[in-house]
Amino acid sequence: MSCLFNSLGRLLNIPTNDTRQKICDYLASNKPIMDGMETKDIIAFEGPNYIQRMRQSSQWGGAIEIQAAVNLWNVRVLVENRRDRTKPIEFLPLDKKVTSTLVIYWTGGHYEPIRRA
């Protein structure tokens, strides 16, 4: 199980594996992920079979998966860096229609759910 998918699932009240699979389904559908960037263009940098690998519980998620999640569930995600306490990294859905905000901490190698607002 990946701490990112666990954190998102916990705050969204969705089982961890369902969260992972829905994010992977979103990536596989090749919907736009960021302004001016198609999903296939971004995951091409990650190598072949990226989505297939990401479906496995042993794989860690990151920024690509966070952006897919915000697009999928219309949430804003703030990632607070616990290592150097810089300004949080903000992820917004493409349509900018936000239903709630999820706050997660990142320690440099681990994500932890904090709150849903």
PDB file of N, CA and C in Angstrom:
ATOM      1  N   MET A   1       0.843  -1.174   0.000  1.00  0.00           N
ATOM      2  CA  MET A   1       0.000   0.000   0.000  1.00  0.00           C
ATOM      3  C   MET A   1       0.891   1.239   0.000  1.00  0.00           C
ATOM      4  N   SER A   2       0.498   2.239  -0.744  1.00  0.00           N
ATOM      5  CA  SER A   2       1.251   3.483  -0.830  1.00  0.00           C
ATOM      6  C   SER A   2       0.641   4.527   0.091  1.00  0.00           C
ATOM      7  N   CYS A   3       1.493   5.250   0.778  1.00  0.00           N
ATOM      8  CA  CYS A   3       1.017   6.261   1.721  1.00  0.00           C
ATOM      9  C   CYS A   3       0.229   7.372   1.032  1.00  0.00           C
ATOM     10  N   LEU A   4       0.557   7.700  -0.218  1.00  0.00           N
ATOM     11  CA  LEU A   4      -0.203   8.736  -0.918  1.00  0.00           C
ATOM     12  C   LEU A   4      -1.634   8.274  -1.163  1.00  0.00           C
ATOM     13  N   PHE A   5      -1.814   7.080  -1.704  1.00  0.00           N
ATOM     14  CA  PHE A   5      -3.159   6.575  -1.980  1.00  0.00           C
ATOM     15  C   PHE A   5      -3.928   6.372  -0.677  1.00  0.00           C
ATOM     16  N   ASN A   6      -3.241   5.944   0.363  1.00  0.00           N
ATOM     17  CA  ASN A   6      -3.864   5.793   1.669  1.00  0.00           C
ATOM     18  C   ASN A   6      -4.331   7.150   2.197  1.00  0.00           C
ATOM     19  N   SER A   7      -3.492   8.167   2.062  1.00  0.00           N
ATOM     20  CA  SER A   7      -3.843   9.508   2.538  1.00  0.00           C
ATOM     21  C   SER A   7      -5.040  10.070   1.781  1.00  0.00           C
ATOM     22  N   LEU A   8      -4.997   9.987   0.457  1.00  0.00           N
ATOM     23  CA  LEU A   8      -6.110  10.493  -0.347  1.00  0.00           C
ATOM     24  C   LEU A   8      -7.394   9.731  -0.048  1.00  0.00           C
ATOM     25  N   GLY A   9      -7.300   8.401  -0.009  1.00  0.00           N
ATOM     26  CA  GLY A   9      -8.472   7.583   0.266  1.00  0.00           C
ATOM     27  C   GLY A   9      -9.082   7.872   1.621  1.00  0.00           C
ATOM     28  N   ARG A  10      -8.226   8.052   2.607  1.00  0.00           N
ATOM     29  CA  ARG A  10      -8.720   8.328   3.958  1.00  0.00           C
ATOM     30  C   ARG A  10      -9.484   9.652   3.998  1.00  0.00           C
ATOM     31  N   LEU A  11      -8.925  10.683   3.354  1.00  0.00           N
ATOM     32  CA  LEU A  11      -9.581  11.992   3.364  1.00  0.00           C
ATOM     33  C   LEU A  11     -10.816  12.039   2.467  1.00  0.00           C
ATOM     34  N   LEU A  12     -10.846  11.221   1.423  1.00  0.00           N
ATOM     35  CA  LEU A  12     -12.004  11.153   0.525  1.00  0.00           C
ATOM     36  C   LEU A  12     -13.040  10.132   0.989  1.00  0.00           C
ATOM     37  N   ASN A  13     -12.687   9.357   2.011  1.00  0.00           N
ATOM     38  CA  ASN A  13     -13.540   8.287   2.524  1.00  0.00           C
ATOM     39  C   ASN A  13     -13.805   7.220   1.457  1.00  0.00           C
ATOM     40  N   ILE A  14     -12.725   6.835   0.770  1.00  0.00           N
ATOM     41  CA  ILE A  14     -12.755   5.804  -0.271  1.00  0.00           C
ATOM     42  C   ILE A  14     -11.666   4.791   0.070  1.00  0.00           C
ATOM     43  N   PRO A  15     -11.930   3.486  -0.028  1.00  0.00           N
ATOM     44  CA  PRO A  15     -10.878   2.505   0.259  1.00  0.00           C
ATOM     45  C   PRO A  15      -9.611   2.774  -0.564  1.00  0.00           C
ATOM     46  N   THR A  16      -8.476   2.536   0.047  1.00  0.00           N
ATOM     47  CA  THR A  16      -7.183   2.835  -0.576  1.00  0.00           C
ATOM     48  C   THR A  16      -7.044   2.231  -1.963  1.00  0.00           C
ATOM     49  N   ASN A  17      -7.351   0.949  -2.120  1.00  0.00           N
ATOM     50  CA  ASN A  17      -7.173   0.316  -3.423  1.00  0.00           C
ATOM     51  C   ASN A  17      -8.139   0.894  -4.462  1.00  0.00           C
ATOM     52  N   ASP A  18      -9.356   1.229  -4.046  1.00  0.00           N
ATOM     53  CA  ASP A  18     -10.301   1.864  -4.970  1.00  0.00           C
ATOM     54  C   ASP A  18      -9.777   3.225  -5.417  1.00  0.00           C
ATOM     55  N   THR A  19      -9.198   3.966  -4.487  1.00  0.00           N
ATOM     56  CA  THR A  19      -8.606   5.267  -4.813  1.00  0.00           C
ATOM     57  C   THR A  19      -7.522   5.096  -5.864  1.00  0.00           C
ATOM     58  N   ARG A  20      -6.636   4.148  -5.633  1.00  0.00           N
ATOM     59  CA  ARG A  20      -5.539   3.877  -6.574  1.00  0.00           C
ATOM     60  C   ARG A  20      -6.086   3.501  -7.954  1.00  0.00           C
ATOM     61  N   GLN A  21      -7.034   2.573  -7.998  1.00  0.00           N
ATOM     62  CA  GLN A  21      -7.549   2.092  -9.279  1.00  0.00           C
ATOM     63  C   GLN A  21      -8.303   3.185 -10.040  1.00  0.00           C
ATOM     64  N   LYS A  22      -9.059   4.019  -9.333  1.00  0.00           N
ATOM     65  CA  LYS A  22      -9.783   5.110  -9.998  1.00  0.00           C
ATOM     66  C   LYS A  22      -8.808   6.135 -10.569  1.00  0.00           C
ATOM     67  N   ILE A  23      -7.741   6.419  -9.850  1.00  0.00           N
ATOM     68  CA  ILE A  23      -6.718   7.336 -10.363  1.00  0.00           C
ATOM     69  C   ILE A  23      -6.053   6.731 -11.592  1.00  0.00           C
ATOM     70  N   CYS A  24      -5.728   5.451 -11.538  1.00  0.00           N
ATOM     71  CA  CYS A  24      -5.112   4.785 -12.697  1.00  0.00           C
ATOM     72  C   CYS A  24      -6.072   4.743 -13.883  1.00  0.00           C
ATOM     73  N   ASP A  25      -7.359   4.526 -13.617  1.00  0.00           N
ATOM     74  CA  ASP A  25      -8.353   4.563 -14.699  1.00  0.00           C
ATOM     75  C   ASP A  25      -8.389   5.946 -15.343  1.00  0.00           C
ATOM     76  N   TYR A  26      -8.317   6.978 -14.515  1.00  0.00           N
ATOM     77  CA  TYR A  26      -8.293   8.347 -15.043  1.00  0.00           C
ATOM     78  C   TYR A  26      -7.067   8.549 -15.930  1.00  0.00           C
ATOM     79  N   LEU A  27      -5.910   8.110 -15.455  1.00  0.00           N
ATOM     80  CA  LEU A  27      -4.683   8.245 -16.248  1.00  0.00           C
ATOM     81  C   LEU A  27      -4.789   7.458 -17.552  1.00  0.00           C
ATOM     82  N   ALA A  28      -5.360   6.264 -17.487  1.00  0.00           N
ATOM     83  CA  ALA A  28      -5.485   5.416 -18.680  1.00  0.00           C
ATOM     84  C   ALA A  28      -6.448   6.012 -19.706  1.00  0.00           C
ATOM     85  N   SER A  29      -7.413   6.796 -19.252  1.00  0.00           N
ATOM     86  CA  SER A  29      -8.386   7.396 -20.172  1.00  0.00           C
ATOM     87  C   SER A  29      -7.783   8.551 -20.969  1.00  0.00           C
ATOM     88  N   ASN A  30      -6.583   8.964 -20.603  1.00  0.00           N
ATOM     89  CA  ASN A  30      -5.831  10.018 -21.292  1.00  0.00           C
ATOM     90  C   ASN A  30      -6.583  11.344 -21.352  1.00  0.00           C
ATOM     91  N   LYS A  31      -7.327  11.649 -20.305  1.00  0.00           N
ATOM     92  CA  LYS A  31      -7.965  12.959 -20.220  1.00  0.00           C
ATOM     93  C   LYS A  31      -6.874  13.992 -19.927  1.00  0.00           C
ATOM     94  N   PRO A  32      -7.125  15.254 -20.239  1.00  0.00           N
ATOM     95  CA  PRO A  32      -6.126  16.273 -19.902  1.00  0.00           C
ATOM     96  C   PRO A  32      -5.836  16.252 -18.405  1.00  0.00           C
ATOM     97  N   ILE A  33      -4.582  16.414 -18.058  1.00  0.00           N
ATOM     98  CA  ILE A  33      -4.205  16.381 -16.648  1.00  0.00           C
ATOM     99  C   ILE A  33      -3.801  17.761 -16.141  1.00  0.00           C
ATOM    100  N   MET A  34      -3.223  18.567 -17.018  1.00  0.00           N
ATOM    101  CA  MET A  34      -2.834  19.938 -16.684  1.00  0.00           C
ATOM    102  C   MET A  34      -3.124  20.802 -17.904  1.00  0.00           C
ATOM    103  N   ASP A  35      -3.232  22.094 -17.688  1.00  0.00           N
ATOM    104  CA  ASP A  35      -3.447  22.997 -18.824  1.00  0.00           C
ATOM    105  C   ASP A  35      -2.370  22.786 -19.871  1.00  0.00           C
ATOM    106  N   GLY A  36      -2.801  22.445 -21.085  1.00  0.00           N
ATOM    107  CA  GLY A  36      -1.869  22.290 -22.191  1.00  0.00           C
ATOM    108  C   GLY A  36      -1.085  20.995 -22.213  1.00  0.00           C
ATOM    109  N   MET A  37      -1.394  20.061 -21.304  1.00  0.00           N
ATOM    110  CA  MET A  37      -0.649  18.800 -21.270  1.00  0.00           C
ATOM    111  C   MET A  37      -1.598  17.622 -21.184  1.00  0.00           C
ATOM    112  N   GLU A  38      -1.435  16.709 -22.099  1.00  0.00           N
ATOM    113  CA  GLU A  38      -2.200  15.469 -22.078  1.00  0.00           C
ATOM    114  C   GLU A  38      -1.501  14.474 -21.151  1.00  0.00           C
ATOM    115  N   THR A  39      -2.286  13.593 -20.573  1.00  0.00           N
ATOM    116  CA  THR A  39      -1.740  12.587 -19.670  1.00  0.00           C
ATOM    117  C   THR A  39      -0.658  11.759 -20.343  1.00  0.00           C
ATOM    118  N   LYS A  40      -0.906  11.325 -21.576  1.00  0.00           N
ATOM    119  CA  LYS A  40       0.061  10.459 -22.260  1.00  0.00           C
ATOM    120  C   LYS A  40       1.417  11.137 -22.412  1.00  0.00           C
ATOM    121  N   ASP A  41       1.424  12.460 -22.574  1.00  0.00           N
ATOM    122  CA  ASP A  41       2.689  13.178 -22.719  1.00  0.00           C
ATOM    123  C   ASP A  41       3.479  13.194 -21.413  1.00  0.00           C
ATOM    124  N   ILE A  42       2.773  13.292 -20.302  1.00  0.00           N
ATOM    125  CA  ILE A  42       3.445  13.318 -19.002  1.00  0.00           C
ATOM    126  C   ILE A  42       3.944  11.934 -18.615  1.00  0.00           C
ATOM    127  N   ILE A  43       3.091  10.917 -18.746  1.00  0.00           N
ATOM    128  CA  ILE A  43       3.523   9.584 -18.311  1.00  0.00           C
ATOM    129  C   ILE A  43       4.535   8.961 -19.257  1.00  0.00           C
ATOM    130  N   ALA A  44       4.695   9.520 -20.455  1.00  0.00           N
ATOM    131  CA  ALA A  44       5.729   9.024 -21.376  1.00  0.00           C
ATOM    132  C   ALA A  44       7.115   9.156 -20.748  1.00  0.00           C
ATOM    133  N   PHE A  45       7.294  10.158 -19.897  1.00  0.00           N
ATOM    134  CA  PHE A  45       8.576  10.353 -19.211  1.00  0.00           C
ATOM    135  C   PHE A  45       8.831   9.278 -18.158  1.00  0.00           C
ATOM    136  N   GLU A  46       7.778   8.597 -17.732  1.00  0.00           N
ATOM    137  CA  GLU A  46       7.882   7.599 -16.665  1.00  0.00           C
ATOM    138  C   GLU A  46       8.187   6.199 -17.182  1.00  0.00           C
ATOM    139  N   GLY A  47       8.243   6.040 -18.480  1.00  0.00           N
ATOM    140  CA  GLY A  47       8.585   4.741 -19.049  1.00  0.00           C
ATOM    141  C   GLY A  47       7.364   3.920 -19.417  1.00  0.00           C
ATOM    142  N   PRO A  48       7.613   2.818 -20.137  1.00  0.00           N
ATOM    143  CA  PRO A  48       6.502   1.964 -20.581  1.00  0.00           C
ATOM    144  C   PRO A  48       5.812   1.286 -19.395  1.00  0.00           C
ATOM    145  N   ASN A  49       4.554   0.999 -19.569  1.00  0.00           N
ATOM    146  CA  ASN A  49       3.759   0.275 -18.568  1.00  0.00           C
ATOM    147  C   ASN A  49       3.606   1.029 -17.248  1.00  0.00           C
ATOM    148  N   TYR A  50       3.711   2.346 -17.291  1.00  0.00           N
ATOM    149  CA  TYR A  50       3.622   3.140 -16.061  1.00  0.00           C
ATOM    150  C   TYR A  50       2.312   2.899 -15.324  1.00  0.00           C
ATOM    151  N   ILE A  51       1.199   2.980 -16.039  1.00  0.00           N
ATOM    152  CA  ILE A  51      -0.104   2.821 -15.387  1.00  0.00           C
ATOM    153  C   ILE A  51      -0.274   1.403 -14.863  1.00  0.00           C
ATOM    154  N   GLN A  52       0.162   0.432 -15.632  1.00  0.00           N
ATOM    155  CA  GLN A  52       0.085  -0.967 -15.197  1.00  0.00           C
ATOM    156  C   GLN A  52       0.879  -1.158 -13.901  1.00  0.00           C
ATOM    157  N   ARG A  53       2.062  -0.586 -13.830  1.00  0.00           N
ATOM    158  CA  ARG A  53       2.868  -0.682 -12.601  1.00  0.00           C
ATOM    159  C   ARG A  53       2.200   0.056 -11.441  1.00  0.00           C
ATOM    160  N   MET A  54       1.638   1.229 -11.737  1.00  0.00           N
ATOM    161  CA  MET A  54       1.029   2.044 -10.685  1.00  0.00           C
ATOM    162  C   MET A  54      -0.195   1.365 -10.080  1.00  0.00           C
ATOM    163  N   ARG A  55      -0.832   0.474 -10.800  1.00  0.00           N
ATOM    164  CA  ARG A  55      -1.986  -0.252 -10.262  1.00  0.00           C
ATOM    165  C   ARG A  55      -1.590  -1.207  -9.129  1.00  0.00           C
ATOM    166  N   GLN A  56      -0.329  -1.540  -9.032  1.00  0.00           N
ATOM    167  CA  GLN A  56       0.141  -2.478  -8.012  1.00  0.00           C
ATOM    168  C   GLN A  56       0.355  -1.746  -6.685  1.00  0.00           C
ATOM    169  N   SER A  57      -0.064  -2.380  -5.608  1.00  0.00           N
ATOM    170  CA  SER A  57      -0.030  -1.732  -4.295  1.00  0.00           C
ATOM    171  C   SER A  57       1.375  -1.403  -3.807  1.00  0.00           C
ATOM    172  N   SER A  58       2.381  -1.988  -4.407  1.00  0.00           N
ATOM    173  CA  SER A  58       3.755  -1.719  -3.977  1.00  0.00           C
ATOM    174  C   SER A  58       4.321  -0.426  -4.569  1.00  0.00           C
ATOM    175  N   GLN A  59       3.615   0.179  -5.520  1.00  0.00           N
ATOM    176  CA  GLN A  59       4.118   1.386  -6.195  1.00  0.00           C
ATOM    177  C   GLN A  59       3.716   2.654  -5.445  1.00  0.00           C
ATOM    178  N   TRP A  60       4.649   3.568  -5.360  1.00  0.00           N
ATOM    179  CA  TRP A  60       4.402   4.852  -4.716  1.00  0.00           C
ATOM    180  C   TRP A  60       3.816   5.830  -5.708  1.00  0.00           C
ATOM    181  N   GLY A  61       2.930   6.674  -5.248  1.00  0.00           N
ATOM    182  CA  GLY A  61       2.371   7.724  -6.082  1.00  0.00           C
ATOM    183  C   GLY A  61       3.053   9.051  -5.813  1.00  0.00           C
ATOM    184  N   GLY A  62       2.806  10.012  -6.696  1.00  0.00           N
ATOM    185  CA  GLY A  62       3.404  11.334  -6.554  1.00  0.00           C
ATOM    186  C   GLY A  62       2.546  12.401  -7.205  1.00  0.00           C
ATOM    187  N   ALA A  63       3.198  13.418  -7.739  1.00  0.00           N
ATOM    188  CA  ALA A  63       2.499  14.587  -8.279  1.00  0.00           C
ATOM    189  C   ALA A  63       1.523  14.239  -9.401  1.00  0.00           C
ATOM    190  N   ILE A  64       1.884  13.306 -10.266  1.00  0.00           N
ATOM    191  CA  ILE A  64       0.985  12.921 -11.365  1.00  0.00           C
ATOM    192  C   ILE A  64      -0.326  12.378 -10.798  1.00  0.00           C
ATOM    193  N   GLU A  65      -0.209  11.534  -9.804  1.00  0.00           N
ATOM    194  CA  GLU A  65      -1.402  10.917  -9.210  1.00  0.00           C
ATOM    195  C   GLU A  65      -2.214  11.942  -8.411  1.00  0.00           C
ATOM    196  N   ILE A  66      -1.541  12.881  -7.749  1.00  0.00           N
ATOM    197  CA  ILE A  66      -2.269  13.930  -7.028  1.00  0.00           C
ATOM    198  C   ILE A  66      -3.075  14.769  -8.020  1.00  0.00           C
ATOM    199  N   GLN A  67      -2.451  15.153  -9.131  1.00  0.00           N
ATOM    200  CA  GLN A  67      -3.167  15.965 -10.121  1.00  0.00           C
ATOM    201  C   GLN A  67      -4.343  15.198 -10.717  1.00  0.00           C
ATOM    202  N   ALA A  68      -4.174  13.916 -10.964  1.00  0.00           N
ATOM    203  CA  ALA A  68      -5.293  13.103 -11.455  1.00  0.00           C
ATOM    204  C   ALA A  68      -6.418  13.080 -10.424  1.00  0.00           C
ATOM    205  N   ALA A  69      -6.071  12.945  -9.146  1.00  0.00           N
ATOM    206  CA  ALA A  69      -7.080  12.904  -8.082  1.00  0.00           C
ATOM    207  C   ALA A  69      -7.868  14.207  -7.997  1.00  0.00           C
ATOM    208  N   VAL A  70      -7.187  15.346  -8.087  1.00  0.00           N
ATOM    209  CA  VAL A  70      -7.915  16.614  -7.982  1.00  0.00           C
ATOM    210  C   VAL A  70      -8.858  16.802  -9.165  1.00  0.00           C
ATOM    211  N   ASN A  71      -8.444  16.348 -10.344  1.00  0.00           N
ATOM    212  CA  ASN A  71      -9.323  16.422 -11.515  1.00  0.00           C
ATOM    213  C   ASN A  71     -10.512  15.479 -11.377  1.00  0.00           C
ATOM    214  N   LEU A  72     -10.265  14.312 -10.851  1.00  0.00           N
ATOM    215  CA  LEU A  72     -11.286  13.275 -10.727  1.00  0.00           C
ATOM    216  C   LEU A  72     -12.351  13.630  -9.689  1.00  0.00           C
ATOM    217  N   TRP A  73     -11.926  14.123  -8.525  1.00  0.00           N
ATOM    218  CA  TRP A  73     -12.854  14.387  -7.425  1.00  0.00           C
ATOM    219  C   TRP A  73     -13.140  15.870  -7.199  1.00  0.00           C
ATOM    220  N   ASN A  74     -12.645  16.738  -8.063  1.00  0.00           N
ATOM    221  CA  ASN A  74     -12.867  18.187  -7.921  1.00  0.00           C
ATOM    222  C   ASN A  74     -12.516  18.701  -6.531  1.00  0.00           C
ATOM    223  N   VAL A  75     -11.358  18.319  -6.071  1.00  0.00           N
ATOM    224  CA  VAL A  75     -10.858  18.797  -4.793  1.00  0.00           C
ATOM    225  C   VAL A  75      -9.564  19.581  -5.017  1.00  0.00           C
ATOM    226  N   ARG A  76      -9.245  20.380  -4.062  1.00  0.00           N
ATOM    227  CA  ARG A  76      -7.957  21.083  -4.013  1.00  0.00           C
ATOM    228  C   ARG A  76      -7.102  20.303  -3.031  1.00  0.00           C
ATOM    229  N   VAL A  77      -5.856  20.062  -3.375  1.00  0.00           N
ATOM    230  CA  VAL A  77      -4.942  19.381  -2.461  1.00  0.00           C
ATOM    231  C   VAL A  77      -3.795  20.323  -2.140  1.00  0.00           C
ATOM    232  N   LEU A  78      -3.548  20.490  -0.855  1.00  0.00           N
ATOM    233  CA  LEU A  78      -2.384  21.231  -0.387  1.00  0.00           C
ATOM    234  C   LEU A  78      -1.407  20.226   0.201  1.00  0.00           C
ATOM    235  N   VAL A  79      -0.196  20.224  -0.313  1.00  0.00           N
ATOM    236  CA  VAL A  79       0.846  19.339   0.203  1.00  0.00           C
ATOM    237  C   VAL A  79       1.814  20.196   1.004  1.00  0.00           C
ATOM    238  N   GLU A  80       1.829  19.974   2.305  1.00  0.00           N
ATOM    239  CA  GLU A  80       2.727  20.718   3.186  1.00  0.00           C
ATOM    240  C   GLU A  80       4.005  19.921   3.368  1.00  0.00           C
ATOM    241  N   ASN A  81       5.127  20.592   3.172  1.00  0.00           N
ATOM    242  CA  ASN A  81       6.437  19.954   3.278  1.00  0.00           C
ATOM    243  C   ASN A  81       6.919  20.024   4.724  1.00  0.00           C
ATOM    244  N   ARG A  82       6.976  18.889   5.388  1.00  0.00           N
ATOM    245  CA  ARG A  82       7.389  18.847   6.788  1.00  0.00           C
ATOM    246  C   ARG A  82       8.894  19.000   6.962  1.00  0.00           C
ATOM    247  N   ARG A  83       9.662  18.782   5.892  1.00  0.00           N
ATOM    248  CA  ARG A  83      11.122  18.867   6.019  1.00  0.00           C
ATOM    249  C   ARG A  83      11.607  20.294   6.151  1.00  0.00           C
ATOM    250  N   ASP A  84      11.132  21.169   5.276  1.00  0.00           N
ATOM    251  CA  ASP A  84      11.657  22.534   5.313  1.00  0.00           C
ATOM    252  C   ASP A  84      10.576  23.593   5.512  1.00  0.00           C
ATOM    253  N   ARG A  85       9.359  23.152   5.705  1.00  0.00           N
ATOM    254  CA  ARG A  85       8.234  24.035   6.028  1.00  0.00           C
ATOM    255  C   ARG A  85       8.101  25.226   5.071  1.00  0.00           C
ATOM    256  N   THR A  86       8.287  24.960   3.797  1.00  0.00           N
ATOM    257  CA  THR A  86       8.074  25.980   2.781  1.00  0.00           C
ATOM    258  C   THR A  86       6.579  26.122   2.522  1.00  0.00           C
ATOM    259  N   LYS A  87       6.224  27.035   1.662  1.00  0.00           N
ATOM    260  CA  LYS A  87       4.823  27.239   1.297  1.00  0.00           C
ATOM    261  C   LYS A  87       4.254  25.940   0.724  1.00  0.00           C
ATOM    262  N   PRO A  88       3.019  25.580   1.092  1.00  0.00           N
ATOM    263  CA  PRO A  88       2.422  24.342   0.568  1.00  0.00           C
ATOM    264  C   PRO A  88       2.338  24.355  -0.958  1.00  0.00           C
ATOM    265  N   ILE A  89       2.445  23.186  -1.549  1.00  0.00           N
ATOM    266  CA  ILE A  89       2.253  23.023  -2.986  1.00  0.00           C
ATOM    267  C   ILE A  89       0.761  22.814  -3.205  1.00  0.00           C
ATOM    268  N   GLU A  90       0.188  23.612  -4.095  1.00  0.00           N
ATOM    269  CA  GLU A  90      -1.253  23.565  -4.335  1.00  0.00           C
ATOM    270  C   GLU A  90      -1.553  22.866  -5.656  1.00  0.00           C
ATOM    271  N   PHE A  91      -2.465  21.914  -5.604  1.00  0.00           N
ATOM    272  CA  PHE A  91      -2.960  21.213  -6.790  1.00  0.00           C
ATOM    273  C   PHE A  91      -4.432  21.569  -6.946  1.00  0.00           C
ATOM    274  N   LEU A  92      -4.810  22.042  -8.141  1.00  0.00           N
ATOM    275  CA  LEU A  92      -6.192  22.427  -8.424  1.00  0.00           C
ATOM    276  C   LEU A  92      -6.721  21.649  -9.619  1.00  0.00           C
ATOM    277  N   PRO A  93      -8.038  21.336  -9.626  1.00  0.00           N
ATOM    278  CA  PRO A  93      -8.603  20.671 -10.796  1.00  0.00           C
ATOM    279  C   PRO A  93      -8.580  21.603 -12.003  1.00  0.00           C
ATOM    280  N   LEU A  94      -8.533  21.014 -13.175  1.00  0.00           N
ATOM    281  CA  LEU A  94      -8.500  21.804 -14.407  1.00  0.00           C
ATOM    282  C   LEU A  94      -9.668  22.776 -14.520  1.00  0.00           C
ATOM    283  N   ASP A  95     -10.859  22.335 -14.127  1.00  0.00           N
ATOM    284  CA  ASP A  95     -12.031  23.206 -14.266  1.00  0.00           C
ATOM    285  C   ASP A  95     -12.157  24.214 -13.127  1.00  0.00           C
ATOM    286  N   LYS A  96     -11.261  24.149 -12.163  1.00  0.00           N
ATOM    287  CA  LYS A  96     -11.213  25.084 -11.020  1.00  0.00           C
ATOM    288  C   LYS A  96     -12.451  25.016 -10.129  1.00  0.00           C
ATOM    289  N   LYS A  97     -13.285  23.988 -10.299  1.00  0.00           N
ATOM    290  CA  LYS A  97     -14.464  23.812  -9.454  1.00  0.00           C
ATOM    291  C   LYS A  97     -14.077  22.935  -8.269  1.00  0.00           C
ATOM    292  N   VAL A  98     -13.872  23.551  -7.135  1.00  0.00           N
ATOM    293  CA  VAL A  98     -13.380  22.859  -5.946  1.00  0.00           C
ATOM    294  C   VAL A  98     -14.522  22.635  -4.963  1.00  0.00           C
ATOM    295  N   THR A  99     -14.712  21.377  -4.554  1.00  0.00           N
ATOM    296  CA  THR A  99     -15.756  21.056  -3.580  1.00  0.00           C
ATOM    297  C   THR A  99     -15.224  21.039  -2.155  1.00  0.00           C
ATOM    298  N   SER A 100     -13.938  20.759  -1.984  1.00  0.00           N
ATOM    299  CA  SER A 100     -13.313  20.770  -0.664  1.00  0.00           C
ATOM    300  C   SER A 100     -11.798  20.782  -0.832  1.00  0.00           C
ATOM    301  N   THR A 101     -11.113  20.977   0.271  1.00  0.00           N
ATOM    302  CA  THR A 101      -9.650  21.004   0.274  1.00  0.00           C
ATOM    303  C   THR A 101      -9.132  19.862   1.135  1.00  0.00           C
ATOM    304  N   LEU A 102      -8.167  19.129   0.604  1.00  0.00           N
ATOM    305  CA  LEU A 102      -7.495  18.067   1.347  1.00  0.00           C
ATOM    306  C   LEU A 102      -6.088  18.550   1.676  1.00  0.00           C
ATOM    307  N   VAL A 103      -5.683  18.372   2.916  1.00  0.00           N
ATOM    308  CA  VAL A 103      -4.339  18.765   3.328  1.00  0.00           C
ATOM    309  C   VAL A 103      -3.579  17.507   3.709  1.00  0.00           C
ATOM    310  N   ILE A 104      -2.422  17.323   3.074  1.00  0.00           N
ATOM    311  CA  ILE A 104      -1.557  16.194   3.409  1.00  0.00           C
ATOM    312  C   ILE A 104      -0.146  16.713   3.662  1.00  0.00           C
ATOM    313  N   TYR A 105       0.552  16.039   4.559  1.00  0.00           N
ATOM    314  CA  TYR A 105       1.957  16.359   4.816  1.00  0.00           C
ATOM    315  C   TYR A 105       2.827  15.462   3.972  1.00  0.00           C
ATOM    316  N   TRP A 106       3.949  15.989   3.569  1.00  0.00           N
ATOM    317  CA  TRP A 106       4.977  15.211   2.875  1.00  0.00           C
ATOM    318  C   TRP A 106       6.264  15.385   3.653  1.00  0.00           C
ATOM    319  N   THR A 107       6.926  14.287   3.955  1.00  0.00           N
ATOM    320  CA  THR A 107       8.152  14.343   4.760  1.00  0.00           C
ATOM    321  C   THR A 107       9.407  14.128   3.934  1.00  0.00           C
ATOM    322  N   GLY A 108       9.262  14.074   2.632  1.00  0.00           N
ATOM    323  CA  GLY A 108      10.400  13.801   1.765  1.00  0.00           C
ATOM    324  C   GLY A 108      10.360  12.384   1.231  1.00  0.00           C
ATOM    325  N   GLY A 109       9.633  11.524   1.885  1.00  0.00           N
ATOM    326  CA  GLY A 109       9.511  10.148   1.430  1.00  0.00           C
ATOM    327  C   GLY A 109       8.208   9.510   1.870  1.00  0.00           C
ATOM    328  N   HIS A 110       7.361  10.297   2.547  1.00  0.00           N
ATOM    329  CA  HIS A 110       6.129   9.741   3.100  1.00  0.00           C
ATOM    330  C   HIS A 110       5.039  10.811   3.112  1.00  0.00           C
ATOM    331  N   TYR A 111       3.814  10.416   2.729  1.00  0.00           N
ATOM    332  CA  TYR A 111       2.648  11.294   2.799  1.00  0.00           C
ATOM    333  C   TYR A 111       1.798  10.883   3.993  1.00  0.00           C
ATOM    334  N   GLU A 112       1.190  11.871   4.634  1.00  0.00           N
ATOM    335  CA  GLU A 112       0.339  11.623   5.797  1.00  0.00           C
ATOM    336  C   GLU A 112      -0.920  12.490   5.675  1.00  0.00           C
ATOM    337  N   PRO A 113      -2.117  11.899   5.828  1.00  0.00           N
ATOM    338  CA  PRO A 113      -3.337  12.707   5.733  1.00  0.00           C
ATOM    339  C   PRO A 113      -3.479  13.607   6.957  1.00  0.00           C
ATOM    340  N   ILE A 114      -3.900  14.843   6.748  1.00  0.00           N
ATOM    341  CA  ILE A 114      -4.075  15.770   7.860  1.00  0.00           C
ATOM    342  C   ILE A 114      -5.547  16.115   8.060  1.00  0.00           C
ATOM    343  N   ARG A 115      -6.158  16.731   7.054  1.00  0.00           N
ATOM    344  CA  ARG A 115      -7.564  17.107   7.232  1.00  0.00           C
ATOM    345  C   ARG A 115      -8.238  17.385   5.890  1.00  0.00           C
ATOM    346  N   ARG A 116      -9.563  17.361   5.956  1.00  0.00           N
ATOM    347  CA  ARG A 116     -10.399  17.763   4.818  1.00  0.00           C
ATOM    348  C   ARG A 116     -11.187  18.982   5.266  1.00  0.00           C
ATOM    349  N   ALA A 117     -11.154  20.023   4.467  1.00  0.00           N
ATOM    350  CA  ALA A 117     -11.864  21.260   4.830  1.00  0.00           C
ATOM    351  C   ALA A 117     -12.832  21.645   3.729  1.00  0.00           C
TER     352      ALA A 117
END
